[in-house]
Amino acid sequence: KRSDQRFIAELFRMQTTDLLNIQIKKSQRLKPGELWKFPWDGDGV
């Protein structure tokens, strides 16, 4: 169940990041981890 939830969360984060990035300059684009941080990102979050 946790694996399924993680997959869906990653998919939403990636899609949302892509939709935002097509609207802004290349130099200002976001990385998925900048948009939303998840507990499994491994940066102490």
ModelCIF file with pLDDT and N, C-alpha, C, O atoms, coordinates in Angstrom:
data_MODEL
#
_entry.id   MODEL 
#
_entity.id                         1 
_entity.type                       polymer 
_entity.pdbx_number_of_molecules   1 
#
_entity_poly.entity_id                      1 
_entity_poly.type                           'polypeptide(L)' 
_entity_poly.nstd_linkage                   no 
_entity_poly.nstd_monomer                   no 
_entity_poly.pdbx_seq_one_letter_code       KRSDQRFIAELFRMQTTDLLNIQIKKSQRLKPGELWKFPWDGDGV 
_entity_poly.pdbx_seq_one_letter_code_can   KRSDQRFIAELFRMQTTDLLNIQIKKSQRLKPGELWKFPWDGDGV 
_entity_poly.pdbx_strand_id                 A 
#
loop_
_entity_poly_seq.entity_id 
_entity_poly_seq.num 
_entity_poly_seq.mon_id 
_entity_poly_seq.hetero 
1 1  LYS n 
1 2  ARG n 
1 3  SER n 
1 4  ASP n 
1 5  GLN n 
1 6  ARG n 
1 7  PHE n 
1 8  ILE n 
1 9  ALA n 
1 10 GLU n 
1 11 LEU n 
1 12 PHE n 
1 13 ARG n 
1 14 MET n 
1 15 GLN n 
1 16 THR n 
1 17 THR n 
1 18 ASP n 
1 19 LEU n 
1 20 LEU n 
1 21 ASN n 
1 22 ILE n 
1 23 GLN n 
1 24 ILE n 
1 25 LYS n 
1 26 LYS n 
1 27 SER n 
1 28 GLN n 
1 29 ARG n 
1 30 LEU n 
1 31 LYS n 
1 32 PRO n 
1 33 GLY n 
1 34 GLU n 
1 35 LEU n 
1 36 TRP n 
1 37 LYS n 
1 38 PHE n 
1 39 PRO n 
1 40 TRP n 
1 41 ASP n 
1 42 GLY n 
1 43 ASP n 
1 44 GLY n 
1 45 VAL n 
#
_struct_asym.id          A 
_struct_asym.entity_id   1 
#
loop_
_ma_qa_metric.id 
_ma_qa_metric.mode 
_ma_qa_metric.name 
_ma_qa_metric.software_group_id 
_ma_qa_metric.type 
1 global pLDDT . pLDDT 
2 local  pLDDT . pLDDT 
#
_ma_qa_metric_global.metric_id      1 
_ma_qa_metric_global.metric_value   89.33 
_ma_qa_metric_global.model_id       1 
_ma_qa_metric_global.ordinal_id     1 
#
loop_
_ma_qa_metric_local.label_asym_id 
_ma_qa_metric_local.label_comp_id 
_ma_qa_metric_local.label_seq_id 
_ma_qa_metric_local.metric_id 
_ma_qa_metric_local.metric_value 
_ma_qa_metric_local.model_id 
_ma_qa_metric_local.ordinal_id 
A LYS 1  2 95.00 1 1  
A ARG 2  2 94.00 1 2  
A SER 3  2 96.00 1 3  
A ASP 4  2 96.00 1 4  
A GLN 5  2 95.00 1 5  
A ARG 6  2 95.00 1 6  
A PHE 7  2 97.00 1 7  
A ILE 8  2 97.00 1 8  
A ALA 9  2 95.00 1 9  
A GLU 10 2 96.00 1 10 
A LEU 11 2 96.00 1 11 
A PHE 12 2 96.00 1 12 
A ARG 13 2 95.00 1 13 
A MET 14 2 96.00 1 14 
A GLN 15 2 96.00 1 15 
A THR 16 2 94.00 1 16 
A THR 17 2 94.00 1 17 
A ASP 18 2 95.00 1 18 
A LEU 19 2 93.00 1 19 
A LEU 20 2 91.00 1 20 
A ASN 21 2 92.00 1 21 
A ILE 22 2 92.00 1 22 
A GLN 23 2 89.00 1 23 
A ILE 24 2 87.00 1 24 
A LYS 25 2 89.00 1 25 
A LYS 26 2 89.00 1 26 
A SER 27 2 89.00 1 27 
A GLN 28 2 88.00 1 28 
A ARG 29 2 91.00 1 29 
A LEU 30 2 90.00 1 30 
A LYS 31 2 91.00 1 31 
A PRO 32 2 92.00 1 32 
A GLY 33 2 88.00 1 33 
A GLU 34 2 88.00 1 34 
A LEU 35 2 88.00 1 35 
A TRP 36 2 87.00 1 36 
A LYS 37 2 85.00 1 37 
A PHE 38 2 86.00 1 38 
A PRO 39 2 84.00 1 39 
A TRP 40 2 85.00 1 40 
A ASP 41 2 86.00 1 41 
A GLY 42 2 78.00 1 42 
A ASP 43 2 68.00 1 43 
A GLY 44 2 61.00 1 44 
A VAL 45 2 55.00 1 45 
#
loop_
_atom_site.group_PDB 
_atom_site.id 
_atom_site.type_symbol 
_atom_site.label_atom_id 
_atom_site.label_alt_id 
_atom_site.label_comp_id 
_atom_site.label_asym_id 
_atom_site.label_entity_id 
_atom_site.label_seq_id 
_atom_site.pdbx_PDB_ins_code 
_atom_site.Cartn_x 
_atom_site.Cartn_y 
_atom_site.Cartn_z 
_atom_site.occupancy 
_atom_site.B_iso_or_equiv 
_atom_site.pdbx_formal_charge 
_atom_site.auth_seq_id 
_atom_site.auth_comp_id 
_atom_site.auth_asym_id 
_atom_site.auth_atom_id 
_atom_site.pdbx_PDB_model_num 
ATOM 1   N N  . LYS A 1 1  ? 0.838  -1.208 0.000   1.00 95.00 ? 1  LYS A N  1 
ATOM 2   C CA . LYS A 1 1  ? 0.000  0.000  0.000   1.00 95.00 ? 1  LYS A CA 1 
ATOM 3   C C  . LYS A 1 1  ? 0.873  1.259  0.000   1.00 95.00 ? 1  LYS A C  1 
ATOM 4   O O  . LYS A 1 1  ? 0.609  2.199  -0.749  1.00 95.00 ? 1  LYS A O  1 
ATOM 5   N N  . ARG A 1 2  ? 1.911  1.276  0.838   1.00 94.00 ? 2  ARG A N  1 
ATOM 6   C CA . ARG A 1 2  ? 2.823  2.434  0.885   1.00 94.00 ? 2  ARG A CA 1 
ATOM 7   C C  . ARG A 1 2  ? 3.537  2.611  -0.448  1.00 94.00 ? 2  ARG A C  1 
ATOM 8   O O  . ARG A 1 2  ? 3.738  3.740  -0.894  1.00 94.00 ? 2  ARG A O  1 
ATOM 9   N N  . SER A 1 3  ? 3.917  1.528  -1.080  1.00 96.00 ? 3  SER A N  1 
ATOM 10  C CA . SER A 1 3  ? 4.576  1.592  -2.379  1.00 96.00 ? 3  SER A CA 1 
ATOM 11  C C  . SER A 1 3  ? 3.638  2.186  -3.425  1.00 96.00 ? 3  SER A C  1 
ATOM 12  O O  . SER A 1 3  ? 4.056  3.010  -4.239  1.00 96.00 ? 3  SER A O  1 
ATOM 13  N N  . ASP A 1 4  ? 2.381  1.774  -3.406  1.00 96.00 ? 4  ASP A N  1 
ATOM 14  C CA . ASP A 1 4  ? 1.391  2.338  -4.337  1.00 96.00 ? 4  ASP A CA 1 
ATOM 15  C C  . ASP A 1 4  ? 1.201  3.833  -4.083  1.00 96.00 ? 4  ASP A C  1 
ATOM 16  O O  . ASP A 1 4  ? 1.134  4.620  -5.027  1.00 96.00 ? 4  ASP A O  1 
ATOM 17  N N  . GLN A 1 5  ? 1.116  4.220  -2.819  1.00 95.00 ? 5  GLN A N  1 
ATOM 18  C CA . GLN A 1 5  ? 0.942  5.637  -2.481  1.00 95.00 ? 5  GLN A CA 1 
ATOM 19  C C  . GLN A 1 5  ? 2.145  6.452  -2.940  1.00 95.00 ? 5  GLN A C  1 
ATOM 20  O O  . GLN A 1 5  ? 1.995  7.566  -3.442  1.00 95.00 ? 5  GLN A O  1 
ATOM 21  N N  . ARG A 1 6  ? 3.331  5.893  -2.766  1.00 95.00 ? 6  ARG A N  1 
ATOM 22  C CA . ARG A 1 6  ? 4.534  6.601  -3.188  1.00 95.00 ? 6  ARG A CA 1 
ATOM 23  C C  . ARG A 1 6  ? 4.552  6.788  -4.705  1.00 95.00 ? 6  ARG A C  1 
ATOM 24  O O  . ARG A 1 6  ? 4.897  7.863  -5.195  1.00 95.00 ? 6  ARG A O  1 
ATOM 25  N N  . PHE A 1 7  ? 4.185  5.760  -5.438  1.00 97.00 ? 7  PHE A N  1 
ATOM 26  C CA . PHE A 1 7  ? 4.142  5.846  -6.894  1.00 97.00 ? 7  PHE A CA 1 
ATOM 27  C C  . PHE A 1 7  ? 3.194  6.952  -7.340  1.00 97.00 ? 7  PHE A C  1 
ATOM 28  O O  . PHE A 1 7  ? 3.543  7.766  -8.195  1.00 97.00 ? 7  PHE A O  1 
ATOM 29  N N  . ILE A 1 8  ? 1.997  6.984  -6.763  1.00 97.00 ? 8  ILE A N  1 
ATOM 30  C CA . ILE A 1 8  ? 1.005  7.996  -7.137  1.00 97.00 ? 8  ILE A CA 1 
ATOM 31  C C  . ILE A 1 8  ? 1.491  9.391  -6.762  1.00 97.00 ? 8  ILE A C  1 
ATOM 32  O O  . ILE A 1 8  ? 1.329  10.328 -7.544  1.00 97.00 ? 8  ILE A O  1 
ATOM 33  N N  . ALA A 1 9  ? 2.083  9.543  -5.584  1.00 95.00 ? 9  ALA A N  1 
ATOM 34  C CA . ALA A 1 9  ? 2.586  10.847 -5.159  1.00 95.00 ? 9  ALA A CA 1 
ATOM 35  C C  . ALA A 1 9  ? 3.701  11.328 -6.088  1.00 95.00 ? 9  ALA A C  1 
ATOM 36  O O  . ALA A 1 9  ? 3.734  12.501 -6.461  1.00 95.00 ? 9  ALA A O  1 
ATOM 37  N N  . GLU A 1 10 ? 4.609  10.433 -6.459  1.00 96.00 ? 10 GLU A N  1 
ATOM 38  C CA . GLU A 1 10 ? 5.693  10.798 -7.375  1.00 96.00 ? 10 GLU A CA 1 
ATOM 39  C C  . GLU A 1 10 ? 5.143  11.188 -8.744  1.00 96.00 ? 10 GLU A C  1 
ATOM 40  O O  . GLU A 1 10 ? 5.631  12.129 -9.369  1.00 96.00 ? 10 GLU A O  1 
ATOM 41  N N  . LEU A 1 11 ? 4.136  10.468 -9.204  1.00 96.00 ? 11 LEU A N  1 
ATOM 42  C CA . LEU A 1 11 ? 3.522  10.767 -10.491 1.00 96.00 ? 11 LEU A CA 1 
ATOM 43  C C  . LEU A 1 11 ? 2.876  12.159 -10.479 1.00 96.00 ? 11 LEU A C  1 
ATOM 44  O O  . LEU A 1 11 ? 3.066  12.943 -11.408 1.00 96.00 ? 11 LEU A O  1 
ATOM 45  N N  . PHE A 1 12 ? 2.118  12.458 -9.430  1.00 96.00 ? 12 PHE A N  1 
ATOM 46  C CA . PHE A 1 12 ? 1.501  13.782 -9.316  1.00 96.00 ? 12 PHE A CA 1 
ATOM 47  C C  . PHE A 1 12 ? 2.547  14.882 -9.245  1.00 96.00 ? 12 PHE A C  1 
ATOM 48  O O  . PHE A 1 12 ? 2.397  15.928 -9.876  1.00 96.00 ? 12 PHE A O  1 
ATOM 49  N N  . ARG A 1 13 ? 3.600  14.650 -8.485  1.00 95.00 ? 13 ARG A N  1 
ATOM 50  C CA . ARG A 1 13 ? 4.644  15.664 -8.341  1.00 95.00 ? 13 ARG A CA 1 
ATOM 51  C C  . ARG A 1 13 ? 5.329  15.920 -9.682  1.00 95.00 ? 13 ARG A C  1 
ATOM 52  O O  . ARG A 1 13 ? 5.574  17.070 -10.048 1.00 95.00 ? 13 ARG A O  1 
ATOM 53  N N  . MET A 1 14 ? 5.637  14.854 -10.411 1.00 96.00 ? 14 MET A N  1 
ATOM 54  C CA . MET A 1 14 ? 6.306  15.006 -11.698 1.00 96.00 ? 14 MET A CA 1 
ATOM 55  C C  . MET A 1 14 ? 5.401  15.702 -12.711 1.00 96.00 ? 14 MET A C  1 
ATOM 56  O O  . MET A 1 14 ? 5.844  16.604 -13.421 1.00 96.00 ? 14 MET A O  1 
ATOM 57  N N  . GLN A 1 15 ? 4.150  15.292 -12.781 1.00 96.00 ? 15 GLN A N  1 
ATOM 58  C CA . GLN A 1 15 ? 3.225  15.918 -13.729 1.00 96.00 ? 15 GLN A CA 1 
ATOM 59  C C  . GLN A 1 15 ? 3.015  17.394 -13.412 1.00 96.00 ? 15 GLN A C  1 
ATOM 60  O O  . GLN A 1 15 ? 3.013  18.232 -14.314 1.00 96.00 ? 15 GLN A O  1 
ATOM 61  N N  . THR A 1 16 ? 2.841  17.708 -12.142 1.00 94.00 ? 16 THR A N  1 
ATOM 62  C CA . THR A 1 16 ? 2.622  19.098 -11.753 1.00 94.00 ? 16 THR A CA 1 
ATOM 63  C C  . THR A 1 16 ? 3.854  19.937 -12.055 1.00 94.00 ? 16 THR A C  1 
ATOM 64  O O  . THR A 1 16 ? 3.732  21.063 -12.538 1.00 94.00 ? 16 THR A O  1 
ATOM 65  N N  . THR A 1 17 ? 5.028  19.409 -11.780 1.00 94.00 ? 17 THR A N  1 
ATOM 66  C CA . THR A 1 17 ? 6.268  20.128 -12.083 1.00 94.00 ? 17 THR A CA 1 
ATOM 67  C C  . THR A 1 17 ? 6.381  20.384 -13.579 1.00 94.00 ? 17 THR A C  1 
ATOM 68  O O  . THR A 1 17 ? 6.731  21.488 -13.996 1.00 94.00 ? 17 THR A O  1 
ATOM 69  N N  . ASP A 1 18 ? 6.089  19.377 -14.386 1.00 95.00 ? 18 ASP A N  1 
ATOM 70  C CA . ASP A 1 18 ? 6.150  19.552 -15.842 1.00 95.00 ? 18 ASP A CA 1 
ATOM 71  C C  . ASP A 1 18 ? 5.170  20.620 -16.319 1.00 95.00 ? 18 ASP A C  1 
ATOM 72  O O  . ASP A 1 18 ? 5.511  21.450 -17.162 1.00 95.00 ? 18 ASP A O  1 
ATOM 73  N N  . LEU A 1 19 ? 3.950  20.596 -15.776 1.00 93.00 ? 19 LEU A N  1 
ATOM 74  C CA . LEU A 1 19 ? 2.950  21.583 -16.183 1.00 93.00 ? 19 LEU A CA 1 
ATOM 75  C C  . LEU A 1 19 ? 3.352  23.001 -15.782 1.00 93.00 ? 19 LEU A C  1 
ATOM 76  O O  . LEU A 1 19 ? 3.067  23.956 -16.504 1.00 93.00 ? 19 LEU A O  1 
ATOM 77  N N  . LEU A 1 20 ? 4.001  23.136 -14.656 1.00 91.00 ? 20 LEU A N  1 
ATOM 78  C CA . LEU A 1 20 ? 4.482  24.458 -14.240 1.00 91.00 ? 20 LEU A CA 1 
ATOM 79  C C  . LEU A 1 20 ? 5.679  24.892 -15.081 1.00 91.00 ? 20 LEU A C  1 
ATOM 80  O O  . LEU A 1 20 ? 5.766  26.052 -15.484 1.00 91.00 ? 20 LEU A O  1 
ATOM 81  N N  . ASN A 1 21 ? 6.586  23.981 -15.345 1.00 92.00 ? 21 ASN A N  1 
ATOM 82  C CA . ASN A 1 21 ? 7.828  24.334 -16.047 1.00 92.00 ? 21 ASN A CA 1 
ATOM 83  C C  . ASN A 1 21 ? 7.622  24.749 -17.497 1.00 92.00 ? 21 ASN A C  1 
ATOM 84  O O  . ASN A 1 21 ? 8.424  25.517 -18.029 1.00 92.00 ? 21 ASN A O  1 
ATOM 85  N N  . ILE A 1 22 ? 6.580  24.268 -18.147 1.00 92.00 ? 22 ILE A N  1 
ATOM 86  C CA . ILE A 1 22 ? 6.367  24.679 -19.543 1.00 92.00 ? 22 ILE A CA 1 
ATOM 87  C C  . ILE A 1 22 ? 5.915  26.130 -19.630 1.00 92.00 ? 22 ILE A C  1 
ATOM 88  O O  . ILE A 1 22 ? 5.863  26.699 -20.720 1.00 92.00 ? 22 ILE A O  1 
ATOM 89  N N  . GLN A 1 23 ? 5.589  26.727 -18.500 1.00 89.00 ? 23 GLN A N  1 
ATOM 90  C CA . GLN A 1 23 ? 5.078  28.097 -18.484 1.00 89.00 ? 23 GLN A CA 1 
ATOM 91  C C  . GLN A 1 23 ? 6.118  29.133 -18.068 1.00 89.00 ? 23 GLN A C  1 
ATOM 92  O O  . GLN A 1 23 ? 5.835  30.331 -18.080 1.00 89.00 ? 23 GLN A O  1 
ATOM 93  N N  . ILE A 1 24 ? 7.307  28.687 -17.705 1.00 87.00 ? 24 ILE A N  1 
ATOM 94  C CA . ILE A 1 24 ? 8.322  29.634 -17.232 1.00 87.00 ? 24 ILE A CA 1 
ATOM 95  C C  . ILE A 1 24 ? 9.625  29.452 -18.001 1.00 87.00 ? 24 ILE A C  1 
ATOM 96  O O  . ILE A 1 24 ? 9.817  28.458 -18.702 1.00 87.00 ? 24 ILE A O  1 
ATOM 97  N N  . LYS A 1 25 ? 10.510 30.425 -17.856 1.00 89.00 ? 25 LYS A N  1 
ATOM 98  C CA . LYS A 1 25 ? 11.807 30.377 -18.539 1.00 89.00 ? 25 LYS A CA 1 
ATOM 99  C C  . LYS A 1 25 ? 12.609 29.172 -18.079 1.00 89.00 ? 25 LYS A C  1 
ATOM 100 O O  . LYS A 1 25 ? 12.471 28.700 -16.951 1.00 89.00 ? 25 LYS A O  1 
ATOM 101 N N  . LYS A 1 26 ? 13.449 28.687 -18.979 1.00 89.00 ? 26 LYS A N  1 
ATOM 102 C CA . LYS A 1 26 ? 14.266 27.511 -18.683 1.00 89.00 ? 26 LYS A CA 1 
ATOM 103 C C  . LYS A 1 26 ? 15.142 27.738 -17.451 1.00 89.00 ? 26 LYS A C  1 
ATOM 104 O O  . LYS A 1 26 ? 15.338 26.820 -16.655 1.00 89.00 ? 26 LYS A O  1 
ATOM 105 N N  . SER A 1 27 ? 15.664 28.939 -17.289 1.00 89.00 ? 27 SER A N  1 
ATOM 106 C CA . SER A 1 27 ? 16.550 29.230 -16.160 1.00 89.00 ? 27 SER A CA 1 
ATOM 107 C C  . SER A 1 27 ? 15.823 29.254 -14.815 1.00 89.00 ? 27 SER A C  1 
ATOM 108 O O  . SER A 1 27 ? 16.465 29.192 -13.767 1.00 89.00 ? 27 SER A O  1 
ATOM 109 N N  . GLN A 1 28 ? 14.496 29.344 -14.837 1.00 88.00 ? 28 GLN A N  1 
ATOM 110 C CA . GLN A 1 28 ? 13.713 29.421 -13.602 1.00 88.00 ? 28 GLN A CA 1 
ATOM 111 C C  . GLN A 1 28 ? 12.969 28.129 -13.285 1.00 88.00 ? 28 GLN A C  1 
ATOM 112 O O  . GLN A 1 28 ? 12.201 28.080 -12.323 1.00 88.00 ? 28 GLN A O  1 
ATOM 113 N N  . ARG A 1 29 ? 13.181 27.103 -14.065 1.00 91.00 ? 29 ARG A N  1 
ATOM 114 C CA . ARG A 1 29 ? 12.421 25.867 -13.902 1.00 91.00 ? 29 ARG A CA 1 
ATOM 115 C C  . ARG A 1 29 ? 12.670 25.206 -12.544 1.00 91.00 ? 29 ARG A C  1 
ATOM 116 O O  . ARG A 1 29 ? 13.749 25.297 -11.958 1.00 91.00 ? 29 ARG A O  1 
ATOM 117 N N  . LEU A 1 30 ? 11.629 24.545 -12.088 1.00 90.00 ? 30 LEU A N  1 
ATOM 118 C CA . LEU A 1 30 ? 11.650 23.843 -10.801 1.00 90.00 ? 30 LEU A CA 1 
ATOM 119 C C  . LEU A 1 30 ? 12.069 22.394 -10.991 1.00 90.00 ? 30 LEU A C  1 
ATOM 120 O O  . LEU A 1 30 ? 11.836 21.791 -12.038 1.00 90.00 ? 30 LEU A O  1 
ATOM 121 N N  . LYS A 1 31 ? 12.684 21.860 -9.967  1.00 91.00 ? 31 LYS A N  1 
ATOM 122 C CA . LYS A 1 31 ? 12.886 20.420 -9.893  1.00 91.00 ? 31 LYS A CA 1 
ATOM 123 C C  . LYS A 1 31 ? 11.743 19.877 -9.046  1.00 91.00 ? 31 LYS A C  1 
ATOM 124 O O  . LYS A 1 31 ? 11.216 20.591 -8.193  1.00 91.00 ? 31 LYS A O  1 
ATOM 125 N N  . PRO A 1 32 ? 11.354 18.628 -9.270  1.00 92.00 ? 32 PRO A N  1 
ATOM 126 C CA . PRO A 1 32 ? 10.223 18.089 -8.509  1.00 92.00 ? 32 PRO A CA 1 
ATOM 127 C C  . PRO A 1 32 ? 10.371 18.243 -6.992  1.00 92.00 ? 32 PRO A C  1 
ATOM 128 O O  . PRO A 1 32 ? 9.395  18.544 -6.305  1.00 92.00 ? 32 PRO A O  1 
ATOM 129 N N  . GLY A 1 33 ? 11.565 18.042 -6.473  1.00 88.00 ? 33 GLY A N  1 
ATOM 130 C CA . GLY A 1 33 ? 11.784 18.165 -5.035  1.00 88.00 ? 33 GLY A CA 1 
ATOM 131 C C  . GLY A 1 33 ? 11.667 19.575 -4.511  1.00 88.00 ? 33 GLY A C  1 
ATOM 132 O O  . GLY A 1 33 ? 11.485 19.779 -3.311  1.00 88.00 ? 33 GLY A O  1 
ATOM 133 N N  . GLU A 1 34 ? 11.769 20.554 -5.396  1.00 88.00 ? 34 GLU A N  1 
ATOM 134 C CA . GLU A 1 34 ? 11.577 21.943 -4.972  1.00 88.00 ? 34 GLU A CA 1 
ATOM 135 C C  . GLU A 1 34 ? 10.097 22.271 -4.833  1.00 88.00 ? 34 GLU A C  1 
ATOM 136 O O  . GLU A 1 34 ? 9.712  23.125 -4.034  1.00 88.00 ? 34 GLU A O  1 
ATOM 137 N N  . LEU A 1 35 ? 9.276  21.590 -5.611  1.00 88.00 ? 35 LEU A N  1 
ATOM 138 C CA . LEU A 1 35 ? 7.847  21.834 -5.567  1.00 88.00 ? 35 LEU A CA 1 
ATOM 139 C C  . LEU A 1 35 ? 7.247  21.230 -4.304  1.00 88.00 ? 35 LEU A C  1 
ATOM 140 O O  . LEU A 1 35 ? 6.588  21.923 -3.529  1.00 88.00 ? 35 LEU A O  1 
ATOM 141 N N  . TRP A 1 36 ? 7.473  19.950 -4.103  1.00 87.00 ? 36 TRP A N  1 
ATOM 142 C CA . TRP A 1 36 ? 6.987  19.243 -2.914  1.00 87.00 ? 36 TRP A CA 1 
ATOM 143 C C  . TRP A 1 36 ? 8.095  18.344 -2.415  1.00 87.00 ? 36 TRP A C  1 
ATOM 144 O O  . TRP A 1 36 ? 8.762  17.681 -3.209  1.00 87.00 ? 36 TRP A O  1 
ATOM 145 N N  . LYS A 1 37 ? 8.300  18.314 -1.116  1.00 85.00 ? 37 LYS A N  1 
ATOM 146 C CA . LYS A 1 37 ? 9.259  17.397 -0.506  1.00 85.00 ? 37 LYS A CA 1 
ATOM 147 C C  . LYS A 1 37 ? 8.480  16.260 0.143   1.00 85.00 ? 37 LYS A C  1 
ATOM 148 O O  . LYS A 1 37 ? 7.478  16.467 0.827   1.00 85.00 ? 37 LYS A O  1 
ATOM 149 N N  . PHE A 1 38 ? 8.977  15.056 -0.097  1.00 86.00 ? 38 PHE A N  1 
ATOM 150 C CA . PHE A 1 38 ? 8.349  13.879 0.480   1.00 86.00 ? 38 PHE A CA 1 
ATOM 151 C C  . PHE A 1 38 ? 9.298  13.239 1.489   1.00 86.00 ? 38 PHE A C  1 
ATOM 152 O O  . PHE A 1 38 ? 10.511 13.431 1.401   1.00 86.00 ? 38 PHE A O  1 
ATOM 153 N N  . PRO A 1 39 ? 8.764  12.485 2.442   1.00 84.00 ? 39 PRO A N  1 
ATOM 154 C CA . PRO A 1 39 ? 9.616  11.868 3.474   1.00 84.00 ? 39 PRO A CA 1 
ATOM 155 C C  . PRO A 1 39 ? 10.706 10.974 2.906   1.00 84.00 ? 39 PRO A C  1 
ATOM 156 O O  . PRO A 1 39 ? 11.760 10.831 3.526   1.00 84.00 ? 39 PRO A O  1 
ATOM 157 N N  . TRP A 1 40 ? 10.485 10.369 1.748   1.00 85.00 ? 40 TRP A N  1 
ATOM 158 C CA . TRP A 1 40 ? 11.462 9.437  1.181   1.00 85.00 ? 40 TRP A CA 1 
ATOM 159 C C  . TRP A 1 40 ? 12.513 10.137 0.322   1.00 85.00 ? 40 TRP A C  1 
ATOM 160 O O  . TRP A 1 40 ? 13.347 9.463  -0.281  1.00 85.00 ? 40 TRP A O  1 
ATOM 161 N N  . ASP A 1 41 ? 12.497 11.449 0.250   1.00 86.00 ? 41 ASP A N  1 
ATOM 162 C CA . ASP A 1 41 ? 13.476 12.156 -0.570  1.00 86.00 ? 41 ASP A CA 1 
ATOM 163 C C  . ASP A 1 41 ? 14.892 12.063 -0.005  1.00 86.00 ? 41 ASP A C  1 
ATOM 164 O O  . ASP A 1 41 ? 15.858 12.330 -0.721  1.00 86.00 ? 41 ASP A O  1 
ATOM 165 N N  . GLY A 1 42 ? 15.027 11.696 1.245   1.00 78.00 ? 42 GLY A N  1 
ATOM 166 C CA . GLY A 1 42 ? 16.348 11.432 1.812   1.00 78.00 ? 42 GLY A CA 1 
ATOM 167 C C  . GLY A 1 42 ? 17.149 12.643 2.212   1.00 78.00 ? 42 GLY A C  1 
ATOM 168 O O  . GLY A 1 42 ? 18.365 12.543 2.376   1.00 78.00 ? 42 GLY A O  1 
ATOM 169 N N  . ASP A 1 43 ? 16.511 13.788 2.375   1.00 68.00 ? 43 ASP A N  1 
ATOM 170 C CA . ASP A 1 43 ? 17.257 14.975 2.775   1.00 68.00 ? 43 ASP A CA 1 
ATOM 171 C C  . ASP A 1 43 ? 16.889 15.420 4.184   1.00 68.00 ? 43 ASP A C  1 
ATOM 172 O O  . ASP A 1 43 ? 16.997 16.600 4.517   1.00 68.00 ? 43 ASP A O  1 
ATOM 173 N N  . GLY A 1 44 ? 16.455 14.476 5.008   1.00 61.00 ? 44 GLY A N  1 
ATOM 174 C CA . GLY A 1 44 ? 16.115 14.790 6.389   1.00 61.00 ? 44 GLY A CA 1 
ATOM 175 C C  . GLY A 1 44 ? 14.722 15.360 6.551   1.00 61.00 ? 44 GLY A C  1 
ATOM 176 O O  . GLY A 1 44 ? 14.336 15.758 7.650   1.00 61.00 ? 44 GLY A O  1 
ATOM 177 N N  . VAL A 1 45 ? 13.962 15.404 5.466   1.00 55.00 ? 45 VAL A N  1 
ATOM 178 C CA . VAL A 1 45 ? 12.629 15.991 5.530   1.00 55.00 ? 45 VAL A CA 1 
ATOM 179 C C  . VAL A 1 45 ? 11.707 15.175 6.438   1.00 55.00 ? 45 VAL A C  1 
ATOM 180 O O  . VAL A 1 45 ? 10.540 15.526 6.609   1.00 55.00 ? 45 VAL A O  1 
#
